[in-house]
Amino acid sequence: MTGKRREGTEEIRFKGVICGACGELFPRDRLDEDDWCEECGPRMQQRMRWWRHVIAALITLPFAVWVAIWLGRSPGLDFLPAYAWALPLVAAYYLGFRIGREVVKGYGRWRRGR
């Protein structure tokens, strides 16, 4: 009897996945890779497109200002040419872009829970 009850509980438990935007329960194959349903997916993708760049810029801009000030004030520390700082700035933008993705997804879940 406990074996049947356990099997039934596991079946109900893993039957569906909650959409990260609207909170409805859907089968796993009806959600995209971000766990959004067909109705919420386009709206959340559009929101993510814009805000990922905003968050990446907010992360990269202070670093770029710091690099510009640091290179201008310390002539003894210019061991790298100015163009060599482009790679760390691009890396900061990329990481900000990835962080922005998670922030947008988390904000959508947070709004749904309110």
C-alpha atoms as a PDB file:
ATOM      1  CA  MET A   1       0.000   0.000   0.000  1.00  0.00           C
ATOM      2  CA  THR A   2       2.773   2.462   0.785  1.00  0.00           C
ATOM      3  CA  GLY A   3       4.504   1.592  -2.484  1.00  0.00           C
ATOM      4  CA  LYS A   4       1.401   2.503  -4.486  1.00  0.00           C
ATOM      5  CA  ARG A   5       0.897   5.694  -2.493  1.00  0.00           C
ATOM      6  CA  ARG A   6       4.523   6.703  -3.023  1.00  0.00           C
ATOM      7  CA  GLU A   7       4.289   6.098  -6.777  1.00  0.00           C
ATOM      8  CA  GLY A   8       1.131   8.185  -7.006  1.00  0.00           C
ATOM      9  CA  THR A   9       2.678  11.029  -5.032  1.00  0.00           C
ATOM     10  CA  GLU A  10       5.753  11.105  -7.253  1.00  0.00           C
ATOM     11  CA  GLU A  11       3.576  11.083 -10.350  1.00  0.00           C
ATOM     12  CA  ILE A  12       1.570  14.091  -9.166  1.00  0.00           C
ATOM     13  CA  ARG A  13       4.682  15.864  -7.965  1.00  0.00           C
ATOM     14  CA  PHE A  14       6.526  15.674 -11.289  1.00  0.00           C
ATOM     15  CA  LYS A  15       3.506  16.016 -13.549  1.00  0.00           C
ATOM     16  CA  GLY A  16       4.091  19.636 -14.552  1.00  0.00           C
ATOM     17  CA  VAL A  17       6.236  22.729 -14.248  1.00  0.00           C
ATOM     18  CA  ILE A  18       5.150  26.203 -13.243  1.00  0.00           C
ATOM     19  CA  CYS A  19       5.584  28.986 -15.805  1.00  0.00           C
ATOM     20  CA  GLY A  20       8.110  31.524 -14.528  1.00  0.00           C
ATOM     21  CA  ALA A  21       5.969  34.467 -15.633  1.00  0.00           C
ATOM     22  CA  CYS A  22       2.292  33.662 -15.055  1.00  0.00           C
ATOM     23  CA  GLY A  23       2.558  30.898 -12.435  1.00  0.00           C
ATOM     24  CA  GLU A  24       0.308  28.393 -14.219  1.00  0.00           C
ATOM     25  CA  LEU A  25       1.147  24.683 -14.210  1.00  0.00           C
ATOM     26  CA  PHE A  26       2.085  23.218 -17.608  1.00  0.00           C
ATOM     27  CA  PRO A  27       3.583  19.959 -18.877  1.00  0.00           C
ATOM     28  CA  ARG A  28       7.362  20.217 -19.281  1.00  0.00           C
ATOM     29  CA  ASP A  29       7.224  19.994 -23.088  1.00  0.00           C
ATOM     30  CA  ARG A  30       4.930  23.067 -23.337  1.00  0.00           C
ATOM     31  CA  LEU A  31       7.490  25.397 -21.722  1.00  0.00           C
ATOM     32  CA  ASP A  32      10.532  26.892 -23.428  1.00  0.00           C
ATOM     33  CA  GLU A  33      14.118  26.781 -22.131  1.00  0.00           C
ATOM     34  CA  ASP A  34      13.419  29.700 -19.774  1.00  0.00           C
ATOM     35  CA  ASP A  35      10.369  27.918 -18.261  1.00  0.00           C
ATOM     36  CA  TRP A  36       7.871  30.283 -19.882  1.00  0.00           C
ATOM     37  CA  CYS A  37       4.624  29.151 -21.482  1.00  0.00           C
ATOM     38  CA  GLU A  38       3.690  29.907 -25.096  1.00  0.00           C
ATOM     39  CA  GLU A  39       1.598  32.902 -24.053  1.00  0.00           C
ATOM     40  CA  CYS A  40       4.186  34.523 -21.751  1.00  0.00           C
ATOM     41  CA  GLY A  41       7.286  33.654 -23.788  1.00  0.00           C
ATOM     42  CA  PRO A  42       7.166  36.420 -26.439  1.00  0.00           C
ATOM     43  CA  ARG A  43       6.314  39.108 -23.887  1.00  0.00           C
ATOM     44  CA  MET A  44       9.114  38.055 -21.543  1.00  0.00           C
ATOM     45  CA  GLN A  45      11.616  37.726 -24.412  1.00  0.00           C
ATOM     46  CA  GLN A  46      10.827  41.279 -25.496  1.00  0.00           C
ATOM     47  CA  ARG A  47      11.250  42.531 -21.935  1.00  0.00           C
ATOM     48  CA  MET A  48      14.491  40.599 -21.594  1.00  0.00           C
ATOM     49  CA  ARG A  49      15.925  41.997 -24.857  1.00  0.00           C
ATOM     50  CA  TRP A  50      15.856  45.569 -23.595  1.00  0.00           C
ATOM     51  CA  TRP A  51      16.640  45.165 -19.905  1.00  0.00           C
ATOM     52  CA  ARG A  52      19.618  42.837 -20.405  1.00  0.00           C
ATOM     53  CA  HIS A  53      21.430  45.622 -22.241  1.00  0.00           C
ATOM     54  CA  VAL A  54      20.472  48.222 -19.632  1.00  0.00           C
ATOM     55  CA  ILE A  55      21.823  46.097 -16.773  1.00  0.00           C
ATOM     56  CA  ALA A  56      24.991  45.260 -18.727  1.00  0.00           C
ATOM     57  CA  ALA A  57      25.590  48.963 -19.378  1.00  0.00           C
ATOM     58  CA  LEU A  58      25.017  49.809 -15.705  1.00  0.00           C
ATOM     59  CA  ILE A  59      27.653  47.254 -14.747  1.00  0.00           C
ATOM     60  CA  THR A  60      30.171  48.190 -17.452  1.00  0.00           C
ATOM     61  CA  LEU A  61      29.915  51.985 -17.326  1.00  0.00           C
ATOM     62  CA  PRO A  62      31.430  52.490 -13.826  1.00  0.00           C
ATOM     63  CA  PHE A  63      34.260  50.121 -14.749  1.00  0.00           C
ATOM     64  CA  ALA A  64      34.915  52.065 -17.968  1.00  0.00           C
ATOM     65  CA  VAL A  65      34.977  55.375 -16.079  1.00  0.00           C
ATOM     66  CA  TRP A  66      37.363  53.897 -13.517  1.00  0.00           C
ATOM     67  CA  VAL A  67      39.675  52.659 -16.285  1.00  0.00           C
ATOM     68  CA  ALA A  68      39.615  56.065 -18.023  1.00  0.00           C
ATOM     69  CA  ILE A  69      40.424  57.923 -14.815  1.00  0.00           C
ATOM     70  CA  TRP A  70      43.070  55.413 -13.772  1.00  0.00           C
ATOM     71  CA  LEU A  71      44.860  55.574 -17.124  1.00  0.00           C
ATOM     72  CA  GLY A  72      44.778  59.376 -17.136  1.00  0.00           C
ATOM     73  CA  ARG A  73      46.140  59.899 -13.630  1.00  0.00           C
ATOM     74  CA  SER A  74      48.877  57.328 -13.315  1.00  0.00           C
ATOM     75  CA  PRO A  75      51.553  57.608 -16.026  1.00  0.00           C
ATOM     76  CA  GLY A  76      53.716  54.959 -14.332  1.00  0.00           C
ATOM     77  CA  LEU A  77      50.931  52.384 -14.417  1.00  0.00           C
ATOM     78  CA  ASP A  78      50.199  52.475 -18.120  1.00  0.00           C
ATOM     79  CA  PHE A  79      51.819  49.105 -18.695  1.00  0.00           C
ATOM     80  CA  LEU A  80      48.930  48.221 -21.012  1.00  0.00           C
ATOM     81  CA  PRO A  81      47.989  50.380 -23.977  1.00  0.00           C
ATOM     82  CA  ALA A  82      44.554  51.990 -23.794  1.00  0.00           C
ATOM     83  CA  TYR A  83      43.058  49.678 -26.436  1.00  0.00           C
ATOM     84  CA  ALA A  84      44.045  46.619 -24.368  1.00  0.00           C
ATOM     85  CA  TRP A  85      41.417  47.602 -21.802  1.00  0.00           C
ATOM     86  CA  ALA A  86      38.713  46.866 -24.372  1.00  0.00           C
ATOM     87  CA  LEU A  87      38.849  43.132 -23.616  1.00  0.00           C
ATOM     88  CA  PRO A  88      38.073  43.502 -19.870  1.00  0.00           C
ATOM     89  CA  LEU A  89      35.336  45.979 -20.728  1.00  0.00           C
ATOM     90  CA  VAL A  90      33.808  43.566 -23.237  1.00  0.00           C
ATOM     91  CA  ALA A  91      34.039  40.798 -20.641  1.00  0.00           C
ATOM     92  CA  ALA A  92      32.307  43.036 -18.080  1.00  0.00           C
ATOM     93  CA  TYR A  93      29.543  43.792 -20.596  1.00  0.00           C
ATOM     94  CA  TYR A  94      29.112  40.086 -21.374  1.00  0.00           C
ATOM     95  CA  LEU A  95      28.892  39.187 -17.684  1.00  0.00           C
ATOM     96  CA  GLY A  96      26.442  42.038 -17.136  1.00  0.00           C
ATOM     97  CA  PHE A  97      24.405  40.719 -20.056  1.00  0.00           C
ATOM     98  CA  ARG A  98      24.239  37.279 -18.435  1.00  0.00           C
ATOM     99  CA  ILE A  99      23.459  38.762 -15.024  1.00  0.00           C
ATOM    100  CA  GLY A 100      20.731  40.870 -16.654  1.00  0.00           C
ATOM    101  CA  ARG A 101      19.085  37.727 -17.977  1.00  0.00           C
ATOM    102  CA  GLU A 102      18.833  36.252 -14.494  1.00  0.00           C
ATOM    103  CA  VAL A 103      17.661  39.551 -13.009  1.00  0.00           C
ATOM    104  CA  VAL A 104      14.837  39.828 -15.549  1.00  0.00           C
ATOM    105  CA  LYS A 105      13.780  36.222 -14.941  1.00  0.00           C
ATOM    106  CA  GLY A 106      13.918  36.708 -11.171  1.00  0.00           C
ATOM    107  CA  TYR A 107      11.956  39.938 -11.361  1.00  0.00           C
ATOM    108  CA  GLY A 108       9.241  38.186 -13.366  1.00  0.00           C
ATOM    109  CA  ARG A 109       8.973  35.481 -10.719  1.00  0.00           C
ATOM    110  CA  TRP A 110       8.973  38.074  -7.951  1.00  0.00           C
ATOM    111  CA  ARG A 111       6.153  40.065  -9.574  1.00  0.00           C
ATOM    112  CA  ARG A 112       4.131  36.902 -10.004  1.00  0.00           C
ATOM    113  CA  GLY A 113       4.485  36.118  -6.284  1.00  0.00           C
ATOM    114  CA  ARG A 114       3.219  39.503  -5.087  1.00  0.00           C
END
